PDB file of N, CA and C in Angstrom:
ATOM      1  N   UNK A   1      34.700  -5.089   5.463  1.00  0.00           N
ATOM      2  CA  UNK A   1      35.363  -3.817   4.930  1.00  0.00           C
ATOM      3  C   UNK A   1      36.854  -3.696   5.152  1.00  0.00           C
ATOM      4  N   UNK A   2      37.727  -3.800   3.930  1.00  0.00           N
ATOM      5  CA  UNK A   2      39.209  -3.598   4.099  1.00  0.00           C
ATOM      6  C   UNK A   2      40.097  -2.319   3.735  1.00  0.00           C
ATOM      7  N   UNK A   3      41.017  -2.453   3.619  1.00  0.00           N
ATOM      8  CA  UNK A   3      41.871  -1.288   3.251  1.00  0.00           C
ATOM      9  C   UNK A   3      41.872  -0.129   4.319  1.00  0.00           C
ATOM     10  N   UNK A   4      41.241  -0.295   5.517  1.00  0.00           N
ATOM     11  CA  UNK A   4      41.117   0.721   6.487  1.00  0.00           C
ATOM     12  C   UNK A   4      42.152   0.711   7.187  1.00  0.00           C
ATOM     13  N   UNK A   5      43.090   1.755   7.393  1.00  0.00           N
ATOM     14  CA  UNK A   5      44.623   1.543   7.921  1.00  0.00           C
ATOM     15  C   UNK A   5      44.327   2.664   9.323  1.00  0.00           C
ATOM     16  N   UNK A   6      44.533   2.285  10.318  1.00  0.00           N
ATOM     17  CA  UNK A   6      44.591   3.125  11.395  1.00  0.00           C
ATOM     18  C   UNK A   6      46.078   3.830  11.629  1.00  0.00           C
ATOM     19  N   UNK A   7      46.076   5.045  11.998  1.00  0.00           N
ATOM     20  CA  UNK A   7      47.395   5.392  12.377  1.00  0.00           C
ATOM     21  C   UNK A   7      47.867   5.029  13.862  1.00  0.00           C
ATOM     22  N   UNK A   8      49.176   4.403  13.990  1.00  0.00           N
ATOM     23  CA  UNK A   8      49.307   3.931  15.365  1.00  0.00           C
ATOM     24  C   UNK A   8      49.873   5.067  15.968  1.00  0.00           C
ATOM     25  N   UNK A   9      49.950   6.232  15.607  1.00  0.00           N
ATOM     26  CA  UNK A   9      50.402   7.602  16.267  1.00  0.00           C
ATOM     27  C   UNK A   9      51.811   7.625  15.965  1.00  0.00           C
ATOM     28  N   UNK A  10      52.698   7.172  14.937  1.00  0.00           N
ATOM     29  CA  UNK A  10      53.933   7.453  14.740  1.00  0.00           C
ATOM     30  C   UNK A  10      54.346   8.942  14.693  1.00  0.00           C
ATOM     31  N   UNK A  11      55.791   8.883  15.246  1.00  0.00           N
ATOM     32  CA  UNK A  11      55.811  10.521  15.383  1.00  0.00           C
ATOM     33  C   UNK A  11      56.446  11.062  14.211  1.00  0.00           C
ATOM     34  N   UNK A  12      56.775  10.045  13.088  1.00  0.00           N
ATOM     35  CA  UNK A  12      57.733  10.459  11.893  1.00  0.00           C
ATOM     36  C   UNK A  12      56.533  11.097  10.918  1.00  0.00           C
ATOM     37  N   UNK A  13      56.319  12.444  10.774  1.00  0.00           N
ATOM     38  CA  UNK A  13      55.761  12.852   9.868  1.00  0.00           C
ATOM     39  C   UNK A  13      56.401  13.459   8.571  1.00  0.00           C
ATOM     40  N   UNK A  14      57.544  13.007   8.403  1.00  0.00           N
ATOM     41  CA  UNK A  14      58.186  13.290   7.113  1.00  0.00           C
ATOM     42  C   UNK A  14      57.213  12.486   6.093  1.00  0.00           C
ATOM     43  N   UNK A  15      56.858  11.434   6.178  1.00  0.00           N
ATOM     44  CA  UNK A  15      56.508  10.547   4.769  1.00  0.00           C
ATOM     45  C   UNK A  15      54.577  11.219   4.641  1.00  0.00           C
ATOM     46  N   UNK A  16      54.557  12.304   4.286  1.00  0.00           N
ATOM     47  CA  UNK A  16      53.289  12.853   4.097  1.00  0.00           C
ATOM     48  C   UNK A  16      52.339  12.221   3.003  1.00  0.00           C
ATOM     49  N   UNK A  17      53.309  11.729   1.914  1.00  0.00           N
ATOM     50  CA  UNK A  17      52.850  11.214   0.986  1.00  0.00           C
ATOM     51  C   UNK A  17      51.728   9.801   1.366  1.00  0.00           C
ATOM     52  N   UNK A  18      52.655   9.095   2.133  1.00  0.00           N
ATOM     53  CA  UNK A  18      51.884   7.769   2.897  1.00  0.00           C
ATOM     54  C   UNK A  18      50.507   8.027   3.436  1.00  0.00           C
ATOM     55  N   UNK A  19      50.568   9.396   4.264  1.00  0.00           N
ATOM     56  CA  UNK A  19      49.502   9.723   4.822  1.00  0.00           C
ATOM     57  C   UNK A  19      48.248  10.025   4.153  1.00  0.00           C
ATOM     58  N   UNK A  20      48.972  10.637   2.835  1.00  0.00           N
ATOM     59  CA  UNK A  20      47.354  10.934   2.016  1.00  0.00           C
ATOM     60  C   UNK A  20      47.014   9.749   1.078  1.00  0.00           C
ATOM     61  N   UNK A  21      47.916   8.818   1.046  1.00  0.00           N
ATOM     62  CA  UNK A  21      47.467   7.471   0.719  1.00  0.00           C
ATOM     63  C   UNK A  21      46.407   6.909   1.449  1.00  0.00           C
ATOM     64  N   UNK A  22      46.742   6.953   2.913  1.00  0.00           N
ATOM     65  CA  UNK A  22      45.925   6.473   3.853  1.00  0.00           C
ATOM     66  C   UNK A  22      44.626   7.180   3.643  1.00  0.00           C
ATOM     67  N   UNK A  23      44.483   8.540   3.589  1.00  0.00           N
ATOM     68  CA  UNK A  23      43.437   9.223   3.654  1.00  0.00           C
ATOM     69  C   UNK A  23      42.600   8.775   2.580  1.00  0.00           C
ATOM     70  N   UNK A  24      43.241   8.593   1.436  1.00  0.00           N
ATOM     71  CA  UNK A  24      42.633   8.095   0.155  1.00  0.00           C
ATOM     72  C   UNK A  24      41.923   7.135   0.402  1.00  0.00           C
ATOM     73  N   UNK A  25      42.706   5.973   0.946  1.00  0.00           N
ATOM     74  CA  UNK A  25      42.036   4.583   1.168  1.00  0.00           C
ATOM     75  C   UNK A  25      41.218   4.657   1.757  1.00  0.00           C
ATOM     76  N   UNK A  26      40.916   5.562   3.109  1.00  0.00           N
ATOM     77  CA  UNK A  26      39.929   5.510   4.152  1.00  0.00           C
ATOM     78  C   UNK A  26      38.818   6.186   3.384  1.00  0.00           C
ATOM     79  N   UNK A  27      38.685   7.272   2.512  1.00  0.00           N
ATOM     80  CA  UNK A  27      38.120   7.753   1.930  1.00  0.00           C
ATOM     81  C   UNK A  27      37.338   6.877   1.029  1.00  0.00           C
ATOM     82  N   UNK A  28      38.054   5.998   0.209  1.00  0.00           N
ATOM     83  CA  UNK A  28      37.455   5.249  -0.608  1.00  0.00           C
ATOM     84  C   UNK A  28      36.705   4.067  -0.088  1.00  0.00           C
ATOM     85  N   UNK A  29      37.128   3.753   1.129  1.00  0.00           N
ATOM     86  CA  UNK A  29      36.258   2.698   1.953  1.00  0.00           C
ATOM     87  C   UNK A  29      35.120   3.557   2.403  1.00  0.00           C
ATOM     88  N   UNK A  30      35.240   4.582   2.987  1.00  0.00           N
ATOM     89  CA  UNK A  30      34.162   5.351   3.296  1.00  0.00           C
ATOM     90  C   UNK A  30      32.881   5.424   2.265  1.00  0.00           C
ATOM     91  N   UNK A  31      33.342   5.777   1.132  1.00  0.00           N
ATOM     92  CA  UNK A  31      32.747   5.855   0.077  1.00  0.00           C
ATOM     93  C   UNK A  31      31.727   4.525  -0.311  1.00  0.00           C
ATOM     94  N   UNK A  32      32.810   3.474  -0.341  1.00  0.00           N
ATOM     95  CA  UNK A  32      32.304   2.269  -0.384  1.00  0.00           C
ATOM     96  C   UNK A  32      31.263   1.780   0.484  1.00  0.00           C
ATOM     97  N   UNK A  33      31.362   2.117   1.792  1.00  0.00           N
ATOM     98  CA  UNK A  33      30.342   1.905   2.843  1.00  0.00           C
ATOM     99  C   UNK A  33      29.318   2.577   2.570  1.00  0.00           C
ATOM    100  N   UNK A  34      29.113   3.729   2.186  1.00  0.00           N
ATOM    101  CA  UNK A  34      28.004   4.614   1.940  1.00  0.00           C
ATOM    102  C   UNK A  34      27.295   4.058   0.639  1.00  0.00           C
ATOM    103  N   UNK A  35      28.046   3.520  -0.224  1.00  0.00           N
ATOM    104  CA  UNK A  35      27.237   3.012  -1.227  1.00  0.00           C
ATOM    105  C   UNK A  35      26.517   1.807  -0.994  1.00  0.00           C
ATOM    106  N   UNK A  36      27.570   0.776  -0.143  1.00  0.00           N
ATOM    107  CA  UNK A  36      26.793  -0.320   0.316  1.00  0.00           C
ATOM    108  C   UNK A  36      25.632   0.010   1.279  1.00  0.00           C
ATOM    109  N   UNK A  37      25.774   0.819   2.006  1.00  0.00           N
ATOM    110  CA  UNK A  37      24.487   1.280   2.824  1.00  0.00           C
ATOM    111  C   UNK A  37      23.431   1.840   2.067  1.00  0.00           C
ATOM    112  N   UNK A  38      23.524   2.477   1.089  1.00  0.00           N
ATOM    113  CA  UNK A  38      22.498   3.160   0.267  1.00  0.00           C
ATOM    114  C   UNK A  38      21.770   1.822  -0.495  1.00  0.00           C
ATOM    115  N   UNK A  39      22.762   1.031  -1.068  1.00  0.00           N
ATOM    116  CA  UNK A  39      22.214  -0.349  -1.779  1.00  0.00           C
ATOM    117  C   UNK A  39      21.167  -1.203  -0.564  1.00  0.00           C
ATOM    118  N   UNK A  40      21.804  -1.297   0.629  1.00  0.00           N
ATOM    119  CA  UNK A  40      21.000  -2.079   1.700  1.00  0.00           C
ATOM    120  C   UNK A  40      20.000  -1.112   1.904  1.00  0.00           C
ATOM    121  N   UNK A  41      20.031   0.229   1.928  1.00  0.00           N
ATOM    122  CA  UNK A  41      18.662   0.594   2.506  1.00  0.00           C
ATOM    123  C   UNK A  41      17.591   0.919   1.312  1.00  0.00           C
ATOM    124  N   UNK A  42      18.105   0.962  -0.006  1.00  0.00           N
ATOM    125  CA  UNK A  42      17.449   0.701  -1.092  1.00  0.00           C
ATOM    126  C   UNK A  42      16.487  -0.672  -1.297  1.00  0.00           C
ATOM    127  N   UNK A  43      17.465  -1.807  -1.166  1.00  0.00           N
ATOM    128  CA  UNK A  43      17.033  -3.309  -1.085  1.00  0.00           C
ATOM    129  C   UNK A  43      15.972  -3.225   0.213  1.00  0.00           C
ATOM    130  N   UNK A  44      16.200  -2.587   1.227  1.00  0.00           N
ATOM    131  CA  UNK A  44      15.527  -2.797   2.224  1.00  0.00           C
ATOM    132  C   UNK A  44      13.834  -1.895   1.880  1.00  0.00           C
ATOM    133  N   UNK A  45      14.221  -0.904   1.324  1.00  0.00           N
ATOM    134  CA  UNK A  45      12.853  -0.101   0.835  1.00  0.00           C
ATOM    135  C   UNK A  45      12.180  -0.901  -0.408  1.00  0.00           C
ATOM    136  N   UNK A  46      12.785  -1.685  -1.111  1.00  0.00           N
ATOM    137  CA  UNK A  46      12.155  -2.446  -1.929  1.00  0.00           C
ATOM    138  C   UNK A  46      11.220  -3.370  -1.237  1.00  0.00           C
ATOM    139  N   UNK A  47      12.364  -4.194  -0.177  1.00  0.00           N
ATOM    140  CA  UNK A  47      11.510  -5.364   0.360  1.00  0.00           C
ATOM    141  C   UNK A  47      10.088  -4.806   0.779  1.00  0.00           C
ATOM    142  N   UNK A  48      10.346  -3.341   1.673  1.00  0.00           N
ATOM    143  CA  UNK A  48       9.094  -2.905   2.383  1.00  0.00           C
ATOM    144  C   UNK A  48       8.133  -2.501   1.392  1.00  0.00           C
ATOM    145  N   UNK A  49       8.533  -1.987  -0.023  1.00  0.00           N
ATOM    146  CA  UNK A  49       7.537  -1.860  -0.706  1.00  0.00           C
ATOM    147  C   UNK A  49       6.607  -3.088  -1.239  1.00  0.00           C
ATOM    148  N   UNK A  50       7.340  -4.155  -1.409  1.00  0.00           N
ATOM    149  CA  UNK A  50       7.154  -5.603  -1.878  1.00  0.00           C
ATOM    150  C   UNK A  50       5.851  -5.921  -0.881  1.00  0.00           C
ATOM    151  N   UNK A  51       6.604  -5.714   0.550  1.00  0.00           N
ATOM    152  CA  UNK A  51       5.597  -6.273   1.268  1.00  0.00           C
ATOM    153  C   UNK A  51       4.167  -5.438   1.440  1.00  0.00           C
ATOM    154  N   UNK A  52       4.214  -4.163   1.438  1.00  0.00           N
ATOM    155  CA  UNK A  52       3.351  -3.197   1.593  1.00  0.00           C
ATOM    156  C   UNK A  52       2.169  -3.757   0.409  1.00  0.00           C
ATOM    157  N   UNK A  53       2.712  -3.923  -0.888  1.00  0.00           N
ATOM    158  CA  UNK A  53       2.007  -4.252  -2.179  1.00  0.00           C
ATOM    159  C   UNK A  53       1.340  -5.530  -1.780  1.00  0.00           C
ATOM    160  N   UNK A  54       2.107  -6.598  -1.059  1.00  0.00           N
ATOM    161  CA  UNK A  54       1.438  -7.683  -1.054  1.00  0.00           C
ATOM    162  C   UNK A  54       0.234  -7.771  -0.043  1.00  0.00           C
ATOM    163  N   UNK A  55       0.469  -7.132   1.012  1.00  0.00           N
ATOM    164  CA  UNK A  55      -0.569  -6.453   2.061  1.00  0.00           C
ATOM    165  C   UNK A  55      -1.847  -5.945   1.473  1.00  0.00           C
ATOM    166  N   UNK A  56      -1.488  -5.100   0.707  1.00  0.00           N
ATOM    167  CA  UNK A  56      -2.693  -4.346  -0.023  1.00  0.00           C
ATOM    168  C   UNK A  56      -3.294  -5.329  -0.678  1.00  0.00           C
ATOM    169  N   UNK A  57      -2.547  -6.104  -1.676  1.00  0.00           N
ATOM    170  CA  UNK A  57      -3.129  -7.129  -2.591  1.00  0.00           C
ATOM    171  C   UNK A  57      -4.211  -8.075  -1.387  1.00  0.00           C
ATOM    172  N   UNK A  58      -3.717  -8.427  -0.444  1.00  0.00           N
ATOM    173  CA  UNK A  58      -4.351  -9.463   0.325  1.00  0.00           C
ATOM    174  C   UNK A  58      -5.726  -8.613   0.912  1.00  0.00           C
ATOM    175  N   UNK A  59      -5.234  -7.432   1.379  1.00  0.00           N
ATOM    176  CA  UNK A  59      -6.468  -6.741   2.159  1.00  0.00           C
ATOM    177  C   UNK A  59      -7.586  -6.442   0.958  1.00  0.00           C
ATOM    178  N   UNK A  60      -7.108  -6.165  -0.254  1.00  0.00           N
ATOM    179  CA  UNK A  60      -8.030  -6.007  -1.502  1.00  0.00           C
ATOM    180  C   UNK A  60      -9.065  -7.199  -1.708  1.00  0.00           C
ATOM    181  N   UNK A  61      -8.387  -8.418  -1.684  1.00  0.00           N
ATOM    182  CA  UNK A  61      -8.822  -9.781  -2.000  1.00  0.00           C
ATOM    183  C   UNK A  61      -9.731  -9.972  -0.569  1.00  0.00           C
ATOM    184  N   UNK A  62      -9.235  -9.729   0.442  1.00  0.00           N
ATOM    185  CA  UNK A  62     -10.140  -9.995   1.651  1.00  0.00           C
ATOM    186  C   UNK A  62     -11.227  -9.016   1.686  1.00  0.00           C
ATOM    187  N   UNK A  63     -11.165  -7.965   1.340  1.00  0.00           N
ATOM    188  CA  UNK A  63     -12.255  -6.956   1.137  1.00  0.00           C
ATOM    189  C   UNK A  63     -13.331  -7.224  -0.052  1.00  0.00           C
ATOM    190  N   UNK A  64     -12.663  -7.545  -1.139  1.00  0.00           N
ATOM    191  CA  UNK A  64     -13.685  -8.255  -2.148  1.00  0.00           C
ATOM    192  C   UNK A  64     -14.323  -9.285  -1.677  1.00  0.00           C
ATOM    193  N   UNK A  65     -13.898 -10.405  -0.763  1.00  0.00           N
ATOM    194  CA  UNK A  65     -14.603 -11.999  -0.389  1.00  0.00           C
ATOM    195  C   UNK A  65     -15.442 -11.143   0.568  1.00  0.00           C
ATOM    196  N   UNK A  66     -15.025 -10.401   1.407  1.00  0.00           N
ATOM    197  CA  UNK A  66     -16.078  -9.970   2.630  1.00  0.00           C
ATOM    198  C   UNK A  66     -17.486  -9.058   1.867  1.00  0.00           C
ATOM    199  N   UNK A  67     -16.995  -8.343   0.583  1.00  0.00           N
ATOM    200  CA  UNK A  67     -18.190  -7.760  -0.067  1.00  0.00           C
ATOM    201  C   UNK A  67     -18.885  -8.793  -0.695  1.00  0.00           C
ATOM    202  N   UNK A  68     -18.499  -9.712  -1.462  1.00  0.00           N
ATOM    203  CA  UNK A  68     -19.303 -10.660  -1.928  1.00  0.00           C
ATOM    204  C   UNK A  68     -20.211 -11.768  -1.118  1.00  0.00           C
ATOM    205  N   UNK A  69     -19.472 -11.895   0.110  1.00  0.00           N
ATOM    206  CA  UNK A  69     -20.123 -12.789   1.025  1.00  0.00           C
ATOM    207  C   UNK A  69     -21.380 -11.846   1.719  1.00  0.00           C
ATOM    208  N   UNK A  70     -21.293 -10.362   1.834  1.00  0.00           N
ATOM    209  CA  UNK A  70     -22.108  -9.829   2.465  1.00  0.00           C
ATOM    210  C   UNK A  70     -23.206  -9.788   1.303  1.00  0.00           C
ATOM    211  N   UNK A  71     -22.896  -9.714   0.096  1.00  0.00           N
ATOM    212  CA  UNK A  71     -24.102  -9.508  -0.985  1.00  0.00           C
ATOM    213  C   UNK A  71     -24.623 -10.816  -1.028  1.00  0.00           C
ATOM    214  N   UNK A  72     -23.913 -11.961  -0.792  1.00  0.00           N
ATOM    215  CA  UNK A  72     -24.876 -13.197  -0.758  1.00  0.00           C
ATOM    216  C   UNK A  72     -25.657 -13.216   0.458  1.00  0.00           C
ATOM    217  N   UNK A  73     -25.151 -12.926   1.340  1.00  0.00           N
ATOM    218  CA  UNK A  73     -25.924 -12.943   2.439  1.00  0.00           C
ATOM    219  C   UNK A  73     -27.029 -11.968   2.483  1.00  0.00           C
ATOM    220  N   UNK A  74     -27.068 -11.046   1.968  1.00  0.00           N
ATOM    221  CA  UNK A  74     -27.908  -9.829   1.725  1.00  0.00           C
ATOM    222  C   UNK A  74     -29.256 -10.783   0.571  1.00  0.00           C
ATOM    223  N   UNK A  75     -28.669 -11.478  -0.188  1.00  0.00           N
ATOM    224  CA  UNK A  75     -29.406 -11.949  -1.341  1.00  0.00           C
ATOM    225  C   UNK A  75     -30.305 -12.988  -0.882  1.00  0.00           C
ATOM    226  N   UNK A  76     -29.514 -13.812  -0.123  1.00  0.00           N
ATOM    227  CA  UNK A  76     -30.248 -15.109   0.590  1.00  0.00           C
ATOM    228  C   UNK A  76     -31.300 -14.736   1.561  1.00  0.00           C
ATOM    229  N   UNK A  77     -31.141 -13.619   2.215  1.00  0.00           N
ATOM    230  CA  UNK A  77     -31.950 -13.012   3.479  1.00  0.00           C
ATOM    231  C   UNK A  77     -33.221 -12.449   2.720  1.00  0.00           C
ATOM    232  N   UNK A  78     -32.704 -11.361   1.344  1.00  0.00           N
ATOM    233  CA  UNK A  78     -33.798 -11.159   0.846  1.00  0.00           C
ATOM    234  C   UNK A  78     -34.845 -12.066   0.261  1.00  0.00           C
ATOM    235  N   UNK A  79     -34.233 -13.522  -0.371  1.00  0.00           N
ATOM    236  CA  UNK A  79     -34.860 -14.510  -0.859  1.00  0.00           C
ATOM    237  C   UNK A  79     -35.874 -14.849  -0.111  1.00  0.00           C
ATOM    238  N   UNK A  80     -35.249 -15.380   1.363  1.00  0.00           N
ATOM    239  CA  UNK A  80     -36.074 -15.817   2.621  1.00  0.00           C
ATOM    240  C   UNK A  80     -37.201 -15.017   2.817  1.00  0.00           C
ATOM    241  N   UNK A  81     -36.598 -13.599   2.837  1.00  0.00           N
ATOM    242  CA  UNK A  81     -37.699 -12.750   3.265  1.00  0.00           C
ATOM    243  C   UNK A  81     -39.141 -12.759   2.181  1.00  0.00           C
ATOM    244  N   UNK A  82     -38.885 -12.696   1.203  1.00  0.00           N
ATOM    245  CA  UNK A  82     -39.860 -12.682  -0.168  1.00  0.00           C
ATOM    246  C   UNK A  82     -40.581 -14.367   0.099  1.00  0.00           C
ATOM    247  N   UNK A  83     -39.649 -15.276   0.297  1.00  0.00           N
ATOM    248  CA  UNK A  83     -40.283 -16.675   0.596  1.00  0.00           C
ATOM    249  C   UNK A  83     -41.464 -16.353   1.929  1.00  0.00           C
ATOM    250  N   UNK A  84     -40.790 -15.829   2.822  1.00  0.00           N
ATOM    251  CA  UNK A  84     -41.591 -15.770   3.930  1.00  0.00           C
ATOM    252  C   UNK A  84     -43.049 -15.009   3.913  1.00  0.00           C
ATOM    253  N   UNK A  85     -42.807 -13.694   3.063  1.00  0.00           N
ATOM    254  CA  UNK A  85     -43.787 -12.706   2.876  1.00  0.00           C
ATOM    255  C   UNK A  85     -44.855 -13.879   1.792  1.00  0.00           C
ATOM    256  N   UNK A  86     -44.318 -14.370   0.868  1.00  0.00           N
ATOM    257  CA  UNK A  86     -45.385 -15.046  -0.054  1.00  0.00           C
ATOM    258  C   UNK A  86     -46.164 -15.968   0.792  1.00  0.00           C
ATOM    259  N   UNK A  87     -45.312 -16.827   1.583  1.00  0.00           N
ATOM    260  CA  UNK A  87     -46.262 -17.737   2.705  1.00  0.00           C
ATOM    261  C   UNK A  87     -47.126 -17.051   3.637  1.00  0.00           C
ATOM    262  N   UNK A  88     -46.623 -15.999   3.985  1.00  0.00           N
ATOM    263  CA  UNK A  88     -47.839 -15.043   4.955  1.00  0.00           C
ATOM    264  C   UNK A  88     -49.086 -14.735   4.249  1.00  0.00           C
ATOM    265  N   UNK A  89     -48.799 -14.207   2.829  1.00  0.00           N
ATOM    266  CA  UNK A  89     -49.797 -14.019   2.157  1.00  0.00           C
ATOM    267  C   UNK A  89     -50.579 -15.107   1.510  1.00  0.00           C
ATOM    268  N   UNK A  90     -50.175 -16.330   1.562  1.00  0.00           N
ATOM    269  CA  UNK A  90     -50.889 -17.498   1.061  1.00  0.00           C
ATOM    270  C   UNK A  90     -51.381 -17.840   2.379  1.00  0.00           C
ATOM    271  N   UNK A  91     -51.038 -17.956   3.529  1.00  0.00           N
ATOM    272  CA  UNK A  91     -51.532 -18.155   4.900  1.00  0.00           C
ATOM    273  C   UNK A  91     -52.828 -17.275   4.924  1.00  0.00           C
ATOM    274  N   UNK A  92     -52.743 -16.050   4.736  1.00  0.00           N
ATOM    275  CA  UNK A  92     -53.686 -14.988   5.103  1.00  0.00           C
ATOM    276  C   UNK A  92     -54.796 -15.185   4.197  1.00  0.00           C
ATOM    277  N   UNK A  93     -54.383 -15.557   2.914  1.00  0.00           N
ATOM    278  CA  UNK A  93     -55.602 -16.059   1.777  1.00  0.00           C
ATOM    279  C   UNK A  93     -56.323 -16.988   2.211  1.00  0.00           C
ATOM    280  N   UNK A  94     -55.560 -18.427   2.676  1.00  0.00           N
ATOM    281  CA  UNK A  94     -56.091 -19.393   2.960  1.00  0.00           C
ATOM    282  C   UNK A  94     -57.156 -19.471   4.387  1.00  0.00           C
ATOM    283  N   UNK A  95     -56.362 -18.477   5.492  1.00  0.00           N
ATOM    284  CA  UNK A  95     -57.405 -18.109   6.534  1.00  0.00           C
ATOM    285  C   UNK A  95     -58.624 -17.526   6.315  1.00  0.00           C
ATOM    286  N   UNK A  96     -58.608 -16.581   5.286  1.00  0.00           N
ATOM    287  CA  UNK A  96     -60.030 -15.485   4.749  1.00  0.00           C
ATOM    288  C   UNK A  96     -60.702 -16.713   4.111  1.00  0.00           C
ATOM    289  N   UNK A  97     -60.196 -17.681   3.291  1.00  0.00           N
ATOM    290  CA  UNK A  97     -61.048 -18.625   2.398  1.00  0.00           C
ATOM    291  C   UNK A  97     -61.584 -19.606   3.555  1.00  0.00           C
ATOM    292  N   UNK A  98     -60.893 -19.838   4.654  1.00  0.00           N
ATOM    293  CA  UNK A  98     -61.272 -20.673   5.529  1.00  0.00           C
ATOM    294  C   UNK A  98     -62.491 -20.168   6.307  1.00  0.00           C
ATOM    295  N   UNK A  99     -62.321 -18.649   6.617  1.00  0.00           N
ATOM    296  CA  UNK A  99     -63.627 -18.180   7.581  1.00  0.00           C
ATOM    297  C   UNK A  99     -64.605 -17.986   6.272  1.00  0.00           C
ATOM    298  N   UNK A 100     -64.605 -17.899   5.285  1.00  0.00           N
ATOM    299  CA  UNK A 100     -65.616 -17.578   4.209  1.00  0.00           C
ATOM    300  C   UNK A 100     -66.500 -18.891   4.215  1.00  0.00           C
ATOM    301  N   UNK A 101     -65.770 -19.948   4.126  1.00  0.00           N
ATOM    302  CA  UNK A 101     -66.405 -21.229   3.939  1.00  0.00           C
ATOM    303  C   UNK A 101     -67.067 -21.579   5.369  1.00  0.00           C
ATOM    304  N   UNK A 102     -66.661 -21.293   6.551  1.00  0.00           N
ATOM    305  CA  UNK A 102     -67.314 -21.462   7.652  1.00  0.00           C
ATOM    306  C   UNK A 102     -68.280 -20.460   7.648  1.00  0.00           C
ATOM    307  N   UNK A 103     -68.186 -19.260   7.524  1.00  0.00           N
ATOM    308  CA  UNK A 103     -69.479 -18.464   7.407  1.00  0.00           C
ATOM    309  C   UNK A 103     -70.420 -18.956   6.462  1.00  0.00           C
ATOM    310  N   UNK A 104     -70.183 -19.334   5.277  1.00  0.00           N
ATOM    311  CA  UNK A 104     -70.996 -20.183   4.300  1.00  0.00           C
ATOM    312  C   UNK A 104     -71.818 -21.151   4.978  1.00  0.00           C
ATOM    313  N   UNK A 105     -70.949 -21.839   5.718  1.00  0.00           N
ATOM    314  CA  UNK A 105     -71.581 -22.959   6.382  1.00  0.00           C
ATOM    315  C   UNK A 105     -72.688 -22.774   7.556  1.00  0.00           C
ATOM    316  N   UNK A 106     -72.052 -21.686   8.226  1.00  0.00           N
ATOM    317  CA  UNK A 106     -72.999 -21.171   9.185  1.00  0.00           C
ATOM    318  C   UNK A 106     -74.263 -20.603   8.814  1.00  0.00           C
TER     319      UNK A 106
END
């Protein structure tokens, strides 16, 4: 930040125009500082927003992956339960048939 002129505390106050010019310089640099700070603030806001969007996308992707894996696990467990139930039913039928045969033999 250039053009900021500090008063050395000179006692000759008869050159008021120079003082006004110094004030204009200082106000210009203050406006520039404010503009630069606003730009930096907006840039940081943009970066924060982009980071939030990226994190939201990652969270959505992770949620979809978790959801699909949970659905797959549920489907696999359901299929295994169906197979186990079918095996149980077949085993029961086999046991019934064996008992019938034993009864017929006896």
